[in-house]
């Protein structure tokens, strides 16, 4: 799974589902090629950008910045690595949301949800 997804290790979703190997094996055979579909990738990217833009609507603005982090003893190199880690994690999380939805369909959860508020 990690190899197909081009990751160092399987995402948490797949590690959690390893407790159900029959389900995981079956569903992985069905969805492993999802990354090849442009529409799947497009929607995962849309989730990624949507979540990034959503941070503008936090109830309280965050005060951390390079100066504050530097005062905490966090080096510029560490800040750069943390940023890379967070960007990668956000993109992987968006992609895993798409995988979760495919798995929900595979297990029979297919009711359409409508937001009314």
C-alpha atoms as a PDB file:
ATOM      1  CA  UNK A   1       0.000   0.000   0.000  1.00  0.00           C
ATOM      2  CA  UNK A   2       2.759   2.427   0.940  1.00  0.00           C
ATOM      3  CA  UNK A   3       4.557   1.709  -2.330  1.00  0.00           C
ATOM      4  CA  UNK A   4       1.498   2.337  -4.489  1.00  0.00           C
ATOM      5  CA  UNK A   5       0.795   5.560  -2.602  1.00  0.00           C
ATOM      6  CA  UNK A   6       4.491   6.509  -2.844  1.00  0.00           C
ATOM      7  CA  UNK A   7       4.875   6.879   0.924  1.00  0.00           C
ATOM      8  CA  UNK A   8       7.431   5.669   3.462  1.00  0.00           C
ATOM      9  CA  UNK A   9       4.752   3.833   5.435  1.00  0.00           C
ATOM     10  CA  UNK A  10       1.045   3.125   5.062  1.00  0.00           C
ATOM     11  CA  UNK A  11      -1.247   5.970   6.149  1.00  0.00           C
ATOM     12  CA  UNK A  12      -2.995   5.675   9.513  1.00  0.00           C
ATOM     13  CA  UNK A  13      -6.245   4.730   7.770  1.00  0.00           C
ATOM     14  CA  UNK A  14      -4.688   1.608   6.282  1.00  0.00           C
ATOM     15  CA  UNK A  15      -2.799   0.722   9.447  1.00  0.00           C
ATOM     16  CA  UNK A  16      -6.070   0.906  11.404  1.00  0.00           C
ATOM     17  CA  UNK A  17      -7.844  -1.300   8.875  1.00  0.00           C
ATOM     18  CA  UNK A  18      -5.050  -3.888   9.036  1.00  0.00           C
ATOM     19  CA  UNK A  19      -7.052  -5.399  11.915  1.00  0.00           C
ATOM     20  CA  UNK A  20      -9.604  -6.405   9.271  1.00  0.00           C
ATOM     21  CA  UNK A  21      -7.364  -8.033   6.639  1.00  0.00           C
ATOM     22  CA  UNK A  22     -10.169  -9.610   4.598  1.00  0.00           C
ATOM     23  CA  UNK A  23     -11.932  -6.278   4.220  1.00  0.00           C
ATOM     24  CA  UNK A  24      -8.711  -4.371   3.608  1.00  0.00           C
ATOM     25  CA  UNK A  25      -7.490  -6.843   0.998  1.00  0.00           C
ATOM     26  CA  UNK A  26     -10.789  -6.751  -0.848  1.00  0.00           C
ATOM     27  CA  UNK A  27     -11.262  -2.995  -0.752  1.00  0.00           C
ATOM     28  CA  UNK A  28      -7.618  -2.281  -1.608  1.00  0.00           C
ATOM     29  CA  UNK A  29      -7.946  -4.422  -4.728  1.00  0.00           C
ATOM     30  CA  UNK A  30     -10.920  -2.253  -5.694  1.00  0.00           C
ATOM     31  CA  UNK A  31      -9.507   1.193  -4.946  1.00  0.00           C
ATOM     32  CA  UNK A  32      -5.742   0.907  -5.420  1.00  0.00           C
ATOM     33  CA  UNK A  33      -5.948   2.462  -8.869  1.00  0.00           C
ATOM     34  CA  UNK A  34      -7.872   5.530  -7.722  1.00  0.00           C
ATOM     35  CA  UNK A  35      -4.750   7.679  -7.834  1.00  0.00           C
ATOM     36  CA  UNK A  36      -4.630   7.149 -11.591  1.00  0.00           C
ATOM     37  CA  UNK A  37      -7.992   8.842 -12.174  1.00  0.00           C
ATOM     38  CA  UNK A  38      -7.711  12.577 -12.865  1.00  0.00           C
ATOM     39  CA  UNK A  39     -11.094  13.346 -11.288  1.00  0.00           C
ATOM     40  CA  UNK A  40     -10.077  11.595  -8.063  1.00  0.00           C
ATOM     41  CA  UNK A  41      -6.832  13.577  -7.889  1.00  0.00           C
ATOM     42  CA  UNK A  42      -8.669  16.806  -8.725  1.00  0.00           C
ATOM     43  CA  UNK A  43     -11.142  16.324  -5.891  1.00  0.00           C
ATOM     44  CA  UNK A  44      -8.385  15.447  -3.413  1.00  0.00           C
ATOM     45  CA  UNK A  45      -6.560  18.647  -4.409  1.00  0.00           C
ATOM     46  CA  UNK A  46      -9.810  20.595  -3.993  1.00  0.00           C
ATOM     47  CA  UNK A  47     -10.160  19.265  -0.435  1.00  0.00           C
ATOM     48  CA  UNK A  48      -6.543  20.253   0.209  1.00  0.00           C
ATOM     49  CA  UNK A  49      -7.074  23.843  -0.955  1.00  0.00           C
ATOM     50  CA  UNK A  50     -10.462  24.084   0.749  1.00  0.00           C
ATOM     51  CA  UNK A  51      -8.915  23.144   4.091  1.00  0.00           C
ATOM     52  CA  UNK A  52      -6.096  25.646   3.596  1.00  0.00           C
ATOM     53  CA  UNK A  53      -8.534  28.463   2.864  1.00  0.00           C
ATOM     54  CA  UNK A  54     -10.686  27.457   5.839  1.00  0.00           C
ATOM     55  CA  UNK A  55      -7.964  28.508   8.258  1.00  0.00           C
ATOM     56  CA  UNK A  56      -8.950  32.124   7.565  1.00  0.00           C
ATOM     57  CA  UNK A  57     -12.124  31.524   9.551  1.00  0.00           C
ATOM     58  CA  UNK A  58     -10.572  30.457  12.855  1.00  0.00           C
ATOM     59  CA  UNK A  59     -12.369  31.946  15.864  1.00  0.00           C
ATOM     60  CA  UNK A  60      -9.077  33.268  17.243  1.00  0.00           C
ATOM     61  CA  UNK A  61      -6.086  34.148  15.104  1.00  0.00           C
ATOM     62  CA  UNK A  62      -2.968  32.130  15.831  1.00  0.00           C
ATOM     63  CA  UNK A  63       0.001  34.137  17.054  1.00  0.00           C
ATOM     64  CA  UNK A  64       2.835  31.778  16.157  1.00  0.00           C
ATOM     65  CA  UNK A  65       5.249  33.068  13.548  1.00  0.00           C
ATOM     66  CA  UNK A  66       8.958  32.732  12.850  1.00  0.00           C
ATOM     67  CA  UNK A  67       9.849  35.295  15.513  1.00  0.00           C
ATOM     68  CA  UNK A  68       7.735  33.629  18.219  1.00  0.00           C
ATOM     69  CA  UNK A  69       8.959  30.171  17.232  1.00  0.00           C
ATOM     70  CA  UNK A  70      12.556  31.416  17.247  1.00  0.00           C
ATOM     71  CA  UNK A  71      12.116  32.663  20.808  1.00  0.00           C
ATOM     72  CA  UNK A  72      11.049  29.134  21.713  1.00  0.00           C
ATOM     73  CA  UNK A  73      14.375  27.874  20.390  1.00  0.00           C
ATOM     74  CA  UNK A  74      13.011  26.439  17.151  1.00  0.00           C
ATOM     75  CA  UNK A  75      15.566  26.976  14.400  1.00  0.00           C
ATOM     76  CA  UNK A  76      14.775  28.271  10.920  1.00  0.00           C
ATOM     77  CA  UNK A  77      15.782  24.868   9.534  1.00  0.00           C
ATOM     78  CA  UNK A  78      13.354  23.123  11.888  1.00  0.00           C
ATOM     79  CA  UNK A  79      10.570  25.541  10.934  1.00  0.00           C
ATOM     80  CA  UNK A  80      11.185  24.747   7.278  1.00  0.00           C
ATOM     81  CA  UNK A  81      11.050  21.004   7.944  1.00  0.00           C
ATOM     82  CA  UNK A  82       7.888  21.377  10.030  1.00  0.00           C
ATOM     83  CA  UNK A  83       6.243  23.314   7.190  1.00  0.00           C
ATOM     84  CA  UNK A  84       7.146  20.577   4.715  1.00  0.00           C
ATOM     85  CA  UNK A  85       5.764  17.947   7.079  1.00  0.00           C
ATOM     86  CA  UNK A  86       2.483  19.816   7.562  1.00  0.00           C
ATOM     87  CA  UNK A  87       1.996  20.421   3.841  1.00  0.00           C
ATOM     88  CA  UNK A  88       2.605  16.745   3.092  1.00  0.00           C
ATOM     89  CA  UNK A  89       0.285  15.656   5.895  1.00  0.00           C
ATOM     90  CA  UNK A  90      -2.494  17.962   4.718  1.00  0.00           C
ATOM     91  CA  UNK A  91      -2.281  16.650   1.163  1.00  0.00           C
ATOM     92  CA  UNK A  92      -2.217  13.043   2.407  1.00  0.00           C
ATOM     93  CA  UNK A  93      -5.197  13.707   4.682  1.00  0.00           C
ATOM     94  CA  UNK A  94      -7.212  15.106   1.773  1.00  0.00           C
ATOM     95  CA  UNK A  95      -6.335  12.053  -0.315  1.00  0.00           C
ATOM     96  CA  UNK A  96      -7.237   9.705   2.532  1.00  0.00           C
ATOM     97  CA  UNK A  97     -10.626  11.415   2.817  1.00  0.00           C
ATOM     98  CA  UNK A  98     -11.265  10.305  -0.751  1.00  0.00           C
ATOM     99  CA  UNK A  99     -10.102   6.777   0.106  1.00  0.00           C
ATOM    100  CA  UNK A 100     -12.387   6.674   3.156  1.00  0.00           C
ATOM    101  CA  UNK A 101     -15.371   7.652   1.034  1.00  0.00           C
ATOM    102  CA  UNK A 102     -14.572   4.911  -1.479  1.00  0.00           C
ATOM    103  CA  UNK A 103     -14.313   2.426   1.399  1.00  0.00           C
ATOM    104  CA  UNK A 104     -17.637   3.607   2.807  1.00  0.00           C
ATOM    105  CA  UNK A 105     -19.231   2.856  -0.541  1.00  0.00           C
ATOM    106  CA  UNK A 106     -17.538  -0.548  -0.639  1.00  0.00           C
ATOM    107  CA  UNK A 107     -19.024  -1.489   2.730  1.00  0.00           C
ATOM    108  CA  UNK A 108     -22.483  -0.249   1.777  1.00  0.00           C
ATOM    109  CA  UNK A 109     -22.642   3.234   3.275  1.00  0.00           C
ATOM    110  CA  UNK A 110     -24.122   5.104   0.357  1.00  0.00           C
ATOM    111  CA  UNK A 111     -26.749   7.414   1.799  1.00  0.00           C
ATOM    112  CA  UNK A 112     -26.502  10.911   0.443  1.00  0.00           C
ATOM    113  CA  UNK A 113     -26.010  13.573   3.061  1.00  0.00           C
ATOM    114  CA  UNK A 114     -27.347  17.075   2.564  1.00  0.00           C
ATOM    115  CA  UNK A 115     -26.309  20.031   4.673  1.00  0.00           C
ATOM    116  CA  UNK A 116     -29.343  22.136   5.509  1.00  0.00           C
ATOM    117  CA  UNK A 117     -27.746  24.823   7.677  1.00  0.00           C
END
